[in-house]
């Protein structure tokens, strides 16, 4: 009986298995690629499409950036327009107030130069009562005029009569009751017109209803003038004396 000795090489077996696996992978991928080819898939075309999509994506991102810049510019322009509109609105309101003031001044001077009643002498052109910032304090404003054809100086006295309630009792106050200096009357002296302004303070618990301004000329040629306004500043009526 003869003994045969064989050399054992296990790495060859592992190599063969590795080659077999690689061959199977290559064969599988080839079959997969072939199947895609039969189905109409073209790897070269897909790569081109991928590059095209990447390029299109970059273009869209650039367009988005441009649109964002345009949006920012439009928002800034709209903000500037709103600011300009607000400034114009303020200017317009100021001009309206100036126009109204000029119209009032024009009407005032027309009343002096050419009054509706050419024979009129002394006139109570305007009479207003306004709050003076505190609860019981008020400011009165009167304008006395006479037509330009009168060269004489107009002189006389002015007094106020304030009708109201103290509790439920009717009360009438005079200028001396509400003036800080407690003067009985105010003097006026002018040739064409005179503004008369001052402050009055009402007593506690007194509710004013109406106020009457009474102008008594020094000359007996003219009659006394009275004008009454409601305390809510609505004119009630006036009685104007004539030459």
Protein backbone atom coordinates (compact mmCIF):
# COMPACT_ATOMS: atom_id res chain seq x y z
CA UNK A 1 0.00 0.00 0.00
CA UNK A 2 1.38 3.39 -1.07
CA UNK A 3 0.82 6.75 0.80
CA UNK A 4 -0.10 9.84 -1.29
CA UNK A 5 0.60 13.26 0.24
CA UNK A 6 -1.54 16.29 -1.04
CA UNK A 7 -0.73 19.93 -0.32
CA UNK A 8 -3.64 21.84 1.37
CA UNK A 9 -4.21 25.41 0.03
CA UNK A 10 -7.36 26.97 1.62
CA UNK A 11 -6.81 30.47 0.15
CA UNK A 12 -7.39 29.14 -3.32
CA UNK A 13 -10.89 28.10 -2.30
CA UNK A 14 -11.62 31.57 -0.88
CA UNK A 15 -10.31 33.22 -4.02
CA UNK A 16 -12.52 31.06 -6.17
CA UNK A 17 -15.55 32.02 -4.07
CA UNK A 18 -14.64 35.70 -4.33
CA UNK A 19 -14.27 35.44 -8.09
CA UNK A 20 -17.59 33.69 -8.28
CA UNK A 21 -19.30 36.44 -6.27
CA UNK A 22 -17.70 39.19 -8.42
CA UNK A 23 -18.78 37.34 -11.55
CA UNK A 24 -22.33 37.09 -10.23
CA UNK A 25 -22.39 40.81 -9.36
CA UNK A 26 -21.06 41.77 -12.79
CA UNK A 27 -23.50 39.45 -14.46
CA UNK A 28 -26.36 40.78 -12.36
CA UNK A 29 -25.49 44.43 -13.04
CA UNK A 30 -25.09 43.62 -16.76
CA UNK A 31 -28.49 41.98 -16.79
CA UNK A 32 -29.95 44.95 -14.85
CA UNK A 33 -28.37 47.48 -17.22
CA UNK A 34 -29.46 45.42 -20.21
CA UNK A 35 -32.97 45.32 -18.82
CA UNK A 36 -32.96 49.10 -18.43
CA UNK A 37 -31.68 49.42 -21.96
CA UNK A 38 -34.49 47.18 -23.23
CA UNK A 39 -36.92 49.35 -21.26
CA UNK A 40 -35.58 52.46 -22.97
CA UNK A 41 -33.26 53.68 -20.19
CA UNK A 42 -30.13 55.42 -21.42
CA UNK A 43 -27.55 56.22 -18.77
CA UNK A 44 -25.85 58.80 -20.97
CA UNK A 45 -29.15 60.53 -21.63
CA UNK A 46 -30.05 60.41 -17.97
CA UNK A 47 -26.73 62.03 -17.08
CA UNK A 48 -27.41 64.78 -19.57
CA UNK A 49 -30.89 65.26 -18.12
CA UNK A 50 -29.43 65.38 -14.64
CA UNK A 51 -26.96 68.08 -15.70
CA UNK A 52 -29.83 69.96 -17.39
CA UNK A 53 -31.90 69.81 -14.21
CA UNK A 54 -28.97 71.03 -12.13
CA UNK A 55 -28.49 73.93 -14.55
CA UNK A 56 -32.22 74.74 -14.51
CA UNK A 57 -32.18 74.66 -10.70
CA UNK A 58 -29.33 77.18 -10.66
CA UNK A 59 -31.24 79.41 -13.09
CA UNK A 60 -34.36 79.26 -10.92
CA UNK A 61 -32.34 80.13 -7.83
CA UNK A 62 -30.88 83.11 -9.69
CA UNK A 63 -34.38 84.21 -10.73
CA UNK A 64 -35.55 83.90 -7.12
CA UNK A 65 -32.67 86.11 -5.97
CA UNK A 66 -33.54 88.68 -8.65
CA UNK A 67 -37.22 88.61 -7.65
CA UNK A 68 -36.27 89.09 -4.02
CA UNK A 69 -34.22 92.13 -4.97
CA UNK A 70 -37.11 93.52 -7.02
CA UNK A 71 -39.50 92.88 -4.11
CA UNK A 72 -37.19 94.75 -1.74
CA UNK A 73 -36.97 97.67 -4.20
CA UNK A 74 -40.74 97.77 -4.63
CA UNK A 75 -41.30 97.67 -0.87
CA UNK A 76 -38.84 100.52 -0.42
CA UNK A 77 -40.52 102.49 -3.22
CA UNK A 78 -43.94 101.88 -1.63
CA UNK A 79 -42.60 103.04 1.73
CA UNK A 80 -41.22 106.22 0.14
CA UNK A 81 -44.55 106.81 -1.63
CA UNK A 82 -46.49 106.34 1.62
CA UNK A 83 -44.15 108.75 3.38
CA UNK A 84 -44.51 111.27 0.55
CA UNK A 85 -48.31 110.84 0.65
CA UNK A 86 -48.38 111.43 4.42
CA UNK A 87 -46.26 114.56 4.00
CA UNK A 88 -48.52 115.81 1.20
CA UNK A 89 -51.60 115.07 3.32
CA UNK A 90 -50.17 117.11 6.21
CA UNK A 91 -49.23 119.93 3.81
CA UNK A 92 -52.71 119.82 2.27
CA UNK A 93 -54.37 120.10 5.68
CA UNK A 94 -52.08 122.98 6.63
CA UNK A 95 -52.92 124.76 3.37
CA UNK A 96 -56.63 124.16 3.95
CA UNK A 97 -56.33 125.71 7.40
CA UNK A 98 -54.42 128.66 5.95
CA UNK A 99 -57.03 129.13 3.22
CA UNK A 100 -59.81 129.05 5.80
CA UNK A 101 -57.96 131.57 7.93
CA UNK A 102 -57.38 133.83 4.93
CA UNK A 103 -61.06 133.61 3.97
CA UNK A 104 -62.04 134.58 7.50
CA UNK A 105 -59.60 137.50 7.41
CA UNK A 106 -60.92 138.54 4.00
CA UNK A 107 -64.50 138.45 5.27
CA UNK A 108 -63.39 140.43 8.31
CA UNK A 109 -61.76 143.21 6.28
CA UNK A 110 -64.64 143.26 3.80
CA UNK A 111 -66.92 143.85 6.77
CA UNK A 112 -64.82 146.92 7.60
CA UNK A 113 -64.35 148.28 4.08
CA UNK A 114 -67.76 147.54 2.58
CA UNK A 115 -70.28 146.09 5.04
CA UNK A 116 -73.62 144.78 3.83
CA UNK A 117 -75.32 147.61 5.63
CA UNK A 118 -73.36 150.67 4.47
CA UNK A 119 -74.98 152.80 7.15
CA UNK A 120 -73.73 150.54 9.94
CA UNK A 121 -71.40 151.98 12.51
CA UNK A 122 -70.15 149.95 15.46
CA UNK A 123 -70.23 146.18 14.85
CA UNK A 124 -69.54 143.09 16.95
CA UNK A 125 -67.76 141.17 14.19
CA UNK A 126 -67.16 137.93 16.13
CA UNK A 127 -67.62 136.48 19.61
CA UNK A 128 -66.20 133.16 20.86
CA UNK A 129 -65.75 131.31 24.15
CA UNK A 130 -63.16 128.50 24.29
CA UNK A 131 -61.85 126.20 27.05
CA UNK A 132 -58.57 127.44 28.46
CA UNK A 133 -56.99 124.13 29.46
CA UNK A 134 -58.48 123.82 32.95
CA UNK A 135 -61.93 122.71 34.00
CA UNK A 136 -63.36 126.07 35.12
CA UNK A 137 -61.22 128.45 33.05
CA UNK A 138 -62.29 129.85 29.66
CA UNK A 139 -60.98 132.38 27.17
CA UNK A 140 -63.21 134.90 25.45
CA UNK A 141 -62.44 136.54 22.10
CA UNK A 142 -64.32 139.46 20.57
CA UNK A 143 -63.68 141.63 17.54
CA UNK A 144 -65.25 145.08 17.36
CA UNK A 145 -65.27 147.01 14.08
CA UNK A 146 -66.65 150.13 12.47
CA UNK A 147 -66.80 151.04 8.77
CA UNK A 148 -63.85 152.92 7.29
CA UNK A 149 -65.96 155.94 6.40
CA UNK A 150 -66.18 156.72 10.10
CA UNK A 151 -63.10 158.74 11.07
CA UNK A 152 -64.16 159.04 14.68
CA UNK A 153 -62.58 156.91 17.39
CA UNK A 154 -65.06 154.42 18.84
CA UNK A 155 -65.01 154.22 22.65
CA UNK A 156 -67.18 152.53 25.20
CA UNK A 157 -67.63 149.75 27.74
CA UNK A 158 -67.95 145.97 27.47
CA UNK A 159 -69.59 143.62 29.96
CA UNK A 160 -70.58 139.93 30.11
CA UNK A 161 -73.67 138.27 31.53
CA UNK A 162 -73.49 134.51 32.02
CA UNK A 163 -76.77 132.71 32.62
CA UNK A 164 -76.59 129.29 34.28
CA UNK A 165 -77.54 127.11 37.18
CA UNK A 166 -76.04 126.62 40.61
CA UNK A 167 -77.68 123.44 41.72
CA UNK A 168 -81.25 123.98 40.56
CA UNK A 169 -81.24 127.73 41.14
CA UNK A 170 -80.88 130.08 38.11
CA UNK A 171 -77.90 132.41 38.50
CA UNK A 172 -76.56 135.26 36.33
CA UNK A 173 -72.88 136.19 36.65
CA UNK A 174 -71.25 139.40 35.42
CA UNK A 175 -67.68 140.09 34.32
CA UNK A 176 -66.67 141.14 37.85
CA UNK A 177 -67.76 137.70 39.12
CA UNK A 178 -65.52 135.73 36.75
CA UNK A 179 -62.60 138.08 35.96
CA UNK A 180 -59.40 137.49 37.96
CA UNK A 181 -59.05 141.23 38.61
CA UNK A 182 -62.77 141.55 39.34
CA UNK A 183 -63.14 144.54 37.00
CA UNK A 184 -66.68 145.77 36.52
CA UNK A 185 -66.33 146.45 32.80
CA UNK A 186 -63.78 146.45 29.98
CA UNK A 187 -62.93 149.60 28.03
CA UNK A 188 -62.54 149.66 24.26
CA UNK A 189 -61.07 152.37 22.06
CA UNK A 190 -60.32 152.00 18.33
CA UNK A 191 -60.73 153.66 14.96
CA UNK A 192 -61.25 150.68 12.64
CA UNK A 193 -61.22 147.47 14.69
CA UNK A 194 -60.08 146.03 18.02
CA UNK A 195 -59.49 142.50 19.30
CA UNK A 196 -60.56 142.00 22.90
CA UNK A 197 -59.38 138.82 24.61
CA UNK A 198 -59.22 137.63 28.18
CA UNK A 199 -59.70 134.79 30.63
CA UNK A 200 -62.58 134.05 32.93
CA UNK A 201 -62.93 131.48 35.70
CA UNK A 202 -66.31 130.16 36.77
CA UNK A 203 -67.20 129.40 40.36
CA UNK A 204 -67.45 125.85 41.66
CA UNK A 205 -70.83 124.22 41.18
CA UNK A 206 -71.93 126.67 38.48
CA UNK A 207 -73.22 125.22 35.19
CA UNK A 208 -73.14 127.84 32.38
CA UNK A 209 -75.93 127.80 29.81
CA UNK A 210 -75.39 130.93 27.72
CA UNK A 211 -73.31 134.09 27.69
CA UNK A 212 -74.24 137.58 26.50
CA UNK A 213 -71.74 140.25 25.49
CA UNK A 214 -73.02 143.79 25.95
CA UNK A 215 -71.22 146.71 24.27
CA UNK A 216 -72.26 150.18 25.40
CA UNK A 217 -70.80 153.01 23.24
CA UNK A 218 -69.77 156.28 24.87
CA UNK A 219 -71.48 158.16 22.07
CA UNK A 220 -75.25 158.26 22.24
CA UNK A 221 -75.28 158.23 18.44
CA UNK A 222 -75.03 154.45 18.53
CA UNK A 223 -77.21 152.02 20.39
CA UNK A 224 -75.87 149.33 22.69
CA UNK A 225 -74.94 146.01 21.08
CA UNK A 226 -75.76 142.60 22.52
CA UNK A 227 -74.90 139.15 21.25
CA UNK A 228 -75.82 135.91 23.00
CA UNK A 229 -74.26 132.52 22.34
CA UNK A 230 -75.02 129.17 23.92
CA UNK A 231 -72.21 127.83 26.06
CA UNK A 232 -71.70 125.03 23.53
CA UNK A 233 -70.46 127.84 21.25
CA UNK A 234 -73.53 127.89 18.99
CA UNK A 235 -74.57 131.44 18.21
CA UNK A 236 -78.10 132.21 19.29
CA UNK A 237 -78.59 135.71 17.91
CA UNK A 238 -77.50 139.31 18.08
CA UNK A 239 -78.96 142.77 18.31
CA UNK A 240 -76.76 145.33 16.62
CA UNK A 241 -77.28 149.05 17.03
CA UNK A 242 -77.02 151.46 14.09
CA UNK A 243 -76.01 155.06 13.62
